[in-house]
Amino acid sequence: MSVADARGVIRAPMPQILLRLLPLWFLWGATYLGIVLMLDSMPSLMGNGSRFLAASAVLATLLVVVRGPRILAVTRSQLRSLLVMGVMILGVGIGILGLAERYVPSGIAALLVSITPLIIVLFRIRAGERPARLTMAGVALGLIGLLLMLLPGGTVPVAGTDRDVVIWSIAIVLGSLSWAYFSWRSTSFDLPDDPLTTTVYELLVAGVAMSVVGFLIGERWDFDSITTASWIGWGYLMLASLIAYASYVWLLGNAPISLTATYAYVNPVVAVILGALIISEPLTRDVVIGLTIVVGGVVLVVTGERRRAPLAPDPS
């Protein structure tokens, strides 16, 4: 199956697609708050890495019990692809996000990640495709909103200075760039047929990579000082990793990337609301304006793409 086919054709019934979109919309939206809670007393990279390792172990155990150990068998070519995907999507994307949320409010972080569909459109243009005018209008609008969000002084820092917020906001965008590119190219990689097997290995690879990098930069566990809030955040993130990422991997192979990416304009709304209600993150005027513009741009992109996505013909 070509990359173009995987991006543009709906290959599963819409009820199945919607069922798997729900975890992306809401579970992933709440992960930004979960990271804030985890960072209360846990190291960023090692905390995120350990929750990926735990999620991988749980899913692998369930698969072996239900379907037998052969379900986890992969070829060398597949293993190489899984290493790349695990590191470049989860390792880079979530690793940077976890480090950045020490300075950038969770709602703003979610808003910055929401540009992923816009980045994917730019990759497609680079590859020679001609997106719809509505899609292009959405990209332009979203980039304007992003620039407004990156202006110094527009966001109240969690810690540090306005300069720290700008630097780490740019880092989040770079992490989203890696996530978007390797998601877009996912169907050109040699991956296992079963999306749950793919999920097990990508979580495992990301967990190992983040834990090693965390150790190398000086992160250490201090279990005596870990708070209840951090354990709650870690536990939620582990479950969200297990459920939502498995859904994401399945959607990459069965739905247009533009439809899969709808999580990007639901997540910021969920994250901003939870951040304001639970941890009292400030809702400044710039936050509201940026949220409205970026989400509006992504909605235009997704609307333009859904109008163009054909249904795969019924094999029967």
Protein backbone atom coordinates (compact mmCIF):
# COMPACT_ATOMS: atom_id res chain seq x y z
CA MET A 1 0.00 0.00 0.00
CA SER A 2 1.46 3.34 -1.00
CA VAL A 3 1.85 6.35 1.28
CA ALA A 4 -0.60 8.29 -0.85
CA ASP A 5 -3.24 5.59 -0.53
CA ALA A 6 -2.82 5.37 3.21
CA ARG A 7 -3.17 9.11 3.61
CA GLY A 8 -6.13 9.64 1.35
CA VAL A 9 -8.39 6.60 1.53
CA ILE A 10 -10.76 5.50 4.28
CA ARG A 11 -10.11 1.76 4.66
CA ALA A 12 -12.36 0.96 7.65
CA PRO A 13 -16.01 1.64 8.59
CA MET A 14 -16.53 5.10 10.04
CA PRO A 15 -17.91 3.74 13.38
CA GLN A 16 -14.60 1.89 13.91
CA ILE A 17 -12.65 5.02 13.03
CA LEU A 18 -14.70 7.19 15.40
CA LEU A 19 -14.32 4.64 18.20
CA ARG A 20 -10.55 4.96 17.93
CA LEU A 21 -10.62 8.73 17.50
CA LEU A 22 -12.28 9.21 20.90
CA PRO A 23 -9.17 8.21 22.92
CA LEU A 24 -7.06 10.52 20.76
CA TRP A 25 -9.43 13.42 21.28
CA PHE A 26 -9.93 13.16 25.03
CA LEU A 27 -7.31 10.85 26.59
CA TRP A 28 -4.51 12.63 24.74
CA GLY A 29 -6.04 16.01 25.59
CA ALA A 30 -5.71 15.18 29.28
CA THR A 31 -2.12 13.90 28.98
CA TYR A 32 -0.79 17.47 29.07
CA LEU A 33 -2.21 17.83 32.58
CA GLY A 34 -0.95 14.34 33.41
CA ILE A 35 2.60 15.39 32.51
CA VAL A 36 2.32 18.45 34.76
CA LEU A 37 1.25 16.23 37.68
CA MET A 38 4.01 13.71 36.99
CA LEU A 39 6.65 16.47 36.86
CA ASP A 40 5.67 17.55 40.37
CA SER A 41 8.29 15.16 41.75
CA MET A 42 9.45 12.82 38.96
CA PRO A 43 12.24 13.30 36.40
CA SER A 44 10.86 14.23 32.99
CA LEU A 45 12.55 11.87 30.54
CA MET A 46 12.87 8.94 32.92
CA GLY A 47 9.28 9.41 34.11
CA ASN A 48 7.89 9.41 30.58
CA GLY A 49 10.24 6.61 29.57
CA SER A 50 9.12 4.40 32.46
CA ARG A 51 5.44 4.87 31.67
CA PHE A 52 6.10 3.81 28.07
CA LEU A 53 8.00 0.74 29.30
CA ALA A 54 5.16 -0.16 31.66
CA ALA A 55 2.53 0.30 28.93
CA SER A 56 4.58 -1.85 26.54
CA ALA A 57 4.95 -4.61 29.13
CA VAL A 58 1.23 -4.64 29.93
CA LEU A 59 0.20 -4.74 26.27
CA ALA A 60 2.79 -7.42 25.41
CA THR A 61 1.60 -9.60 28.29
CA LEU A 62 -2.03 -9.29 27.20
CA LEU A 63 -1.16 -10.15 23.61
CA VAL A 64 0.87 -13.21 24.59
CA VAL A 65 -1.86 -14.49 26.93
CA VAL A 66 -4.70 -13.95 24.45
CA ARG A 67 -3.01 -14.66 21.11
CA GLY A 68 0.21 -16.50 21.88
CA PRO A 69 3.89 -15.43 21.77
CA ARG A 70 4.12 -15.59 17.95
CA ILE A 71 2.15 -12.35 17.78
CA LEU A 72 5.32 -10.52 18.89
CA ALA A 73 7.55 -12.02 16.19
CA VAL A 74 9.07 -9.41 13.85
CA THR A 75 11.64 -9.46 11.04
CA ARG A 76 14.94 -7.55 11.10
CA SER A 77 13.55 -5.07 8.58
CA GLN A 78 10.48 -4.48 10.74
CA LEU A 79 12.63 -4.08 13.85
CA ARG A 80 14.68 -1.37 12.14
CA SER A 81 11.49 0.46 11.17
CA LEU A 82 10.11 0.14 14.69
CA LEU A 83 13.33 1.57 16.13
CA VAL A 84 13.07 4.63 13.89
CA MET A 85 9.35 5.16 14.48
CA GLY A 86 9.57 4.68 18.23
CA VAL A 87 12.42 7.13 18.65
CA MET A 88 11.30 9.81 16.19
CA ILE A 89 7.58 9.88 17.05
CA LEU A 90 7.33 9.10 20.75
CA GLY A 91 10.91 9.57 21.88
CA VAL A 92 11.50 12.96 20.29
CA GLY A 93 7.91 14.25 20.36
CA ILE A 94 7.02 13.33 23.94
CA GLY A 95 10.57 13.73 25.24
CA ILE A 96 10.72 17.37 24.21
CA LEU A 97 7.17 17.98 25.39
CA GLY A 98 7.94 16.62 28.86
CA LEU A 99 11.02 18.82 29.20
CA ALA A 100 9.17 21.87 27.87
CA GLU A 101 6.23 21.62 30.25
CA ARG A 102 8.50 22.68 33.11
CA TYR A 103 8.33 26.15 31.54
CA VAL A 104 5.37 26.19 29.12
CA PRO A 105 1.78 25.89 30.47
CA SER A 106 0.08 22.61 29.49
CA GLY A 107 -2.65 24.33 27.47
CA ILE A 108 -0.10 26.29 25.44
CA ALA A 109 1.93 23.13 24.88
CA ALA A 110 -1.16 21.38 23.52
CA LEU A 111 -1.87 24.36 21.29
CA LEU A 112 1.65 24.25 19.85
CA VAL A 113 1.36 20.51 19.19
CA SER A 114 -1.93 21.18 17.38
CA ILE A 115 0.00 22.51 14.37
CA THR A 116 0.86 18.90 13.42
CA PRO A 117 -1.82 18.70 10.66
CA LEU A 118 -0.51 21.97 9.23
CA ILE A 119 3.04 20.59 9.10
CA ILE A 120 1.78 17.45 7.35
CA VAL A 121 0.17 19.60 4.65
CA LEU A 122 3.49 21.37 4.08
CA PHE A 123 5.22 17.99 3.67
CA ARG A 124 2.60 16.99 1.11
CA ILE A 125 3.13 20.20 -0.87
CA ARG A 126 6.85 19.51 -0.83
CA ALA A 127 6.13 16.04 -2.22
CA GLY A 128 4.25 17.57 -5.17
CA GLU A 129 0.64 17.31 -4.00
CA ARG A 130 -1.87 20.12 -4.47
CA PRO A 131 -4.09 20.43 -1.38
CA ALA A 132 -7.48 22.12 -1.60
CA ARG A 133 -7.72 25.90 -1.24
CA LEU A 134 -9.55 25.47 2.05
CA THR A 135 -6.64 23.40 3.30
CA MET A 136 -4.13 26.06 2.27
CA ALA A 137 -6.20 28.78 3.94
CA GLY A 138 -6.16 26.74 7.13
CA VAL A 139 -2.38 26.37 7.00
CA ALA A 140 -1.92 30.12 6.60
CA LEU A 141 -4.34 30.90 9.43
CA GLY A 142 -2.76 28.34 11.74
CA LEU A 143 0.76 29.67 11.15
CA ILE A 144 -0.41 33.20 11.96
CA GLY A 145 -1.86 31.95 15.24
CA LEU A 146 1.37 30.10 16.00
CA LEU A 147 3.47 33.23 15.46
CA LEU A 148 1.20 35.18 17.82
CA MET A 149 1.65 32.50 20.46
CA LEU A 150 5.45 32.65 20.19
CA LEU A 151 5.65 36.42 20.79
CA PRO A 152 7.51 37.12 24.06
CA GLY A 153 5.23 38.07 26.94
CA GLY A 154 2.14 36.42 25.50
CA THR A 155 2.29 33.46 27.86
CA VAL A 156 2.73 33.36 31.64
CA PRO A 157 5.68 31.00 32.31
CA VAL A 158 5.27 28.02 34.62
CA ALA A 159 8.89 28.66 35.63
CA GLY A 160 11.81 30.66 34.28
CA THR A 161 11.49 33.71 32.07
CA ASP A 162 9.63 34.74 28.91
CA ARG A 163 12.80 33.76 27.01
CA ASP A 164 12.57 30.22 28.41
CA VAL A 165 8.96 29.99 27.26
CA VAL A 166 9.87 31.10 23.72
CA ILE A 167 12.83 28.68 23.49
CA TRP A 168 10.87 25.69 24.75
CA SER A 169 7.85 26.62 22.63
CA ILE A 170 10.10 26.46 19.56
CA ALA A 171 11.42 23.11 20.82
CA ILE A 172 7.84 21.78 21.02
CA VAL A 173 7.29 22.84 17.41
CA LEU A 174 10.46 20.96 16.38
CA GLY A 175 9.21 17.88 18.24
CA SER A 176 5.89 18.19 16.42
CA LEU A 177 7.84 18.39 13.16
CA SER A 178 9.42 15.00 13.89
CA TRP A 179 6.07 13.51 14.96
CA ALA A 180 4.31 14.84 11.84
CA TYR A 181 6.95 13.70 9.35
CA PHE A 182 7.27 10.13 10.60
CA SER A 183 3.50 9.78 11.01
CA TRP A 184 3.09 10.98 7.43
CA ARG A 185 5.70 8.51 6.20
CA SER A 186 4.52 5.65 8.42
CA THR A 187 3.05 3.50 5.65
CA SER A 188 6.32 3.56 3.71
CA PHE A 189 8.02 1.70 6.58
CA ASP A 190 8.07 -2.08 6.88
CA LEU A 191 5.93 -2.52 10.00
CA PRO A 192 4.15 -5.57 11.47
CA ASP A 193 0.67 -6.27 10.11
CA ASP A 194 -0.86 -6.13 13.59
CA PRO A 195 -1.00 -2.53 14.90
CA LEU A 196 -0.87 -3.78 18.51
CA THR A 197 2.46 -5.48 17.83
CA THR A 198 3.72 -2.21 16.36
CA THR A 199 2.50 -0.39 19.47
CA VAL A 200 4.34 -2.76 21.82
CA TYR A 201 7.69 -2.24 20.12
CA GLU A 202 7.38 1.50 19.55
CA LEU A 203 6.48 2.06 23.22
CA LEU A 204 9.39 -0.17 24.25
CA VAL A 205 11.89 1.60 22.00
CA ALA A 206 10.75 5.06 23.12
CA GLY A 207 10.82 4.02 26.77
CA VAL A 208 14.38 2.71 26.58
CA ALA A 209 15.63 5.70 24.56
CA MET A 210 14.10 8.30 26.89
CA SER A 211 15.29 6.52 30.04
CA VAL A 212 18.86 6.29 28.73
CA VAL A 213 18.96 9.94 27.61
CA GLY A 214 17.45 11.01 30.93
CA PHE A 215 20.15 9.14 32.83
CA LEU A 216 22.91 10.62 30.65
CA ILE A 217 21.75 14.20 31.30
CA GLY A 218 21.70 13.62 35.05
CA GLU A 219 18.13 12.62 35.86
CA ARG A 220 17.75 10.25 38.82
CA TRP A 221 14.85 8.63 40.67
CA ASP A 222 14.17 9.68 44.27
CA PHE A 223 11.29 7.41 45.20
CA ASP A 224 11.06 8.71 48.79
CA SER A 225 10.11 12.18 47.55
CA ILE A 226 7.56 11.21 44.88
CA THR A 227 4.16 12.74 45.65
CA THR A 228 0.73 11.20 45.28
CA ALA A 229 -0.03 13.70 42.51
CA SER A 230 2.96 12.46 40.53
CA TRP A 231 1.90 8.82 40.88
CA ILE A 232 -1.62 9.72 39.73
CA GLY A 233 -0.20 11.58 36.72
CA TRP A 234 2.18 8.71 35.91
CA GLY A 235 -0.57 6.09 36.18
CA TYR A 236 -2.89 8.07 33.94
CA LEU A 237 -0.15 8.62 31.37
CA MET A 238 0.68 4.93 31.31
CA LEU A 239 -2.94 3.99 30.57
CA ALA A 240 -3.27 6.78 28.00
CA SER A 241 -0.08 5.53 26.30
CA LEU A 242 -1.52 2.05 26.11
CA ILE A 243 -4.99 2.93 24.83
CA ALA A 244 -4.54 6.10 22.79
CA TYR A 245 -1.29 5.25 21.02
CA ALA A 246 -2.62 1.83 20.01
CA SER A 247 -5.60 3.65 18.49
CA TYR A 248 -3.27 6.10 16.74
CA VAL A 249 -1.19 3.33 15.16
CA TRP A 250 -4.36 1.61 13.94
CA LEU A 251 -5.70 4.86 12.46
CA LEU A 252 -2.47 5.54 10.57
CA GLY A 253 -3.12 2.41 8.52
CA ASN A 254 -6.90 2.63 8.19
CA ALA A 255 -7.90 6.30 7.91
CA PRO A 256 -6.62 9.40 6.07
CA ILE A 257 -3.89 11.17 8.02
CA SER A 258 -5.99 14.34 7.88
CA LEU A 259 -8.87 12.61 9.68
CA THR A 260 -6.53 10.98 12.19
CA ALA A 261 -5.05 14.40 12.92
CA THR A 262 -8.38 15.79 14.14
CA TYR A 263 -7.10 15.10 17.65
CA ALA A 264 -4.90 18.15 17.19
CA TYR A 265 -7.75 20.64 17.45
CA VAL A 266 -9.64 18.84 20.22
CA ASN A 267 -6.61 18.34 22.48
CA PRO A 268 -5.86 22.05 23.08
CA VAL A 269 -9.43 22.75 24.13
CA VAL A 270 -9.37 19.84 26.60
CA ALA A 271 -5.90 20.79 27.87
CA VAL A 272 -6.70 24.49 28.33
CA ILE A 273 -9.94 23.75 30.20
CA LEU A 274 -8.36 21.14 32.49
CA GLY A 275 -5.30 23.31 33.10
CA ALA A 276 -7.47 26.26 34.12
CA LEU A 277 -9.86 24.21 36.29
CA ILE A 278 -7.46 21.85 38.05
CA ILE A 279 -4.09 23.62 38.32
CA SER A 280 -5.27 27.22 37.79
CA GLU A 281 -3.26 27.95 34.66
CA PRO A 282 -4.01 31.54 33.59
CA LEU A 283 -6.17 32.20 30.54
CA THR A 284 -4.65 35.39 29.11
CA ARG A 285 -6.05 37.26 26.15
CA ASP A 286 -3.15 36.08 23.97
CA VAL A 287 -3.88 32.47 24.92
CA VAL A 288 -7.53 32.80 23.93
CA ILE A 289 -6.69 34.56 20.65
CA GLY A 290 -3.97 32.06 19.76
CA LEU A 291 -6.20 29.11 20.65
CA THR A 292 -9.02 30.42 18.50
CA ILE A 293 -6.82 31.16 15.47
CA VAL A 294 -4.81 27.92 15.52
CA VAL A 295 -7.81 25.70 16.15
CA GLY A 296 -9.71 27.54 13.41
CA GLY A 297 -6.84 26.93 11.00
CA VAL A 298 -6.67 23.23 11.81
CA VAL A 299 -10.45 22.89 11.43
CA LEU A 300 -10.18 24.40 7.94
CA VAL A 301 -7.40 21.96 7.04
CA VAL A 302 -9.32 18.93 8.26
CA THR A 303 -12.54 20.08 6.60
CA GLY A 304 -10.78 20.56 3.28
CA GLU A 305 -9.13 17.16 3.51
CA ARG A 306 -12.24 15.22 4.54
CA ARG A 307 -14.06 16.53 1.48
CA ARG A 308 -11.35 14.99 -0.70
CA ALA A 309 -10.88 11.63 1.06
CA PRO A 310 -12.51 8.83 -1.00
CA LEU A 311 -13.82 5.59 0.42
CA ALA A 312 -11.92 2.46 -0.51
CA PRO A 313 -13.94 0.20 -2.85
CA ASP A 314 -15.67 -2.77 -1.26
CA PRO A 315 -13.55 -5.88 -2.11
CA SER A 316 -16.69 -8.00 -2.35
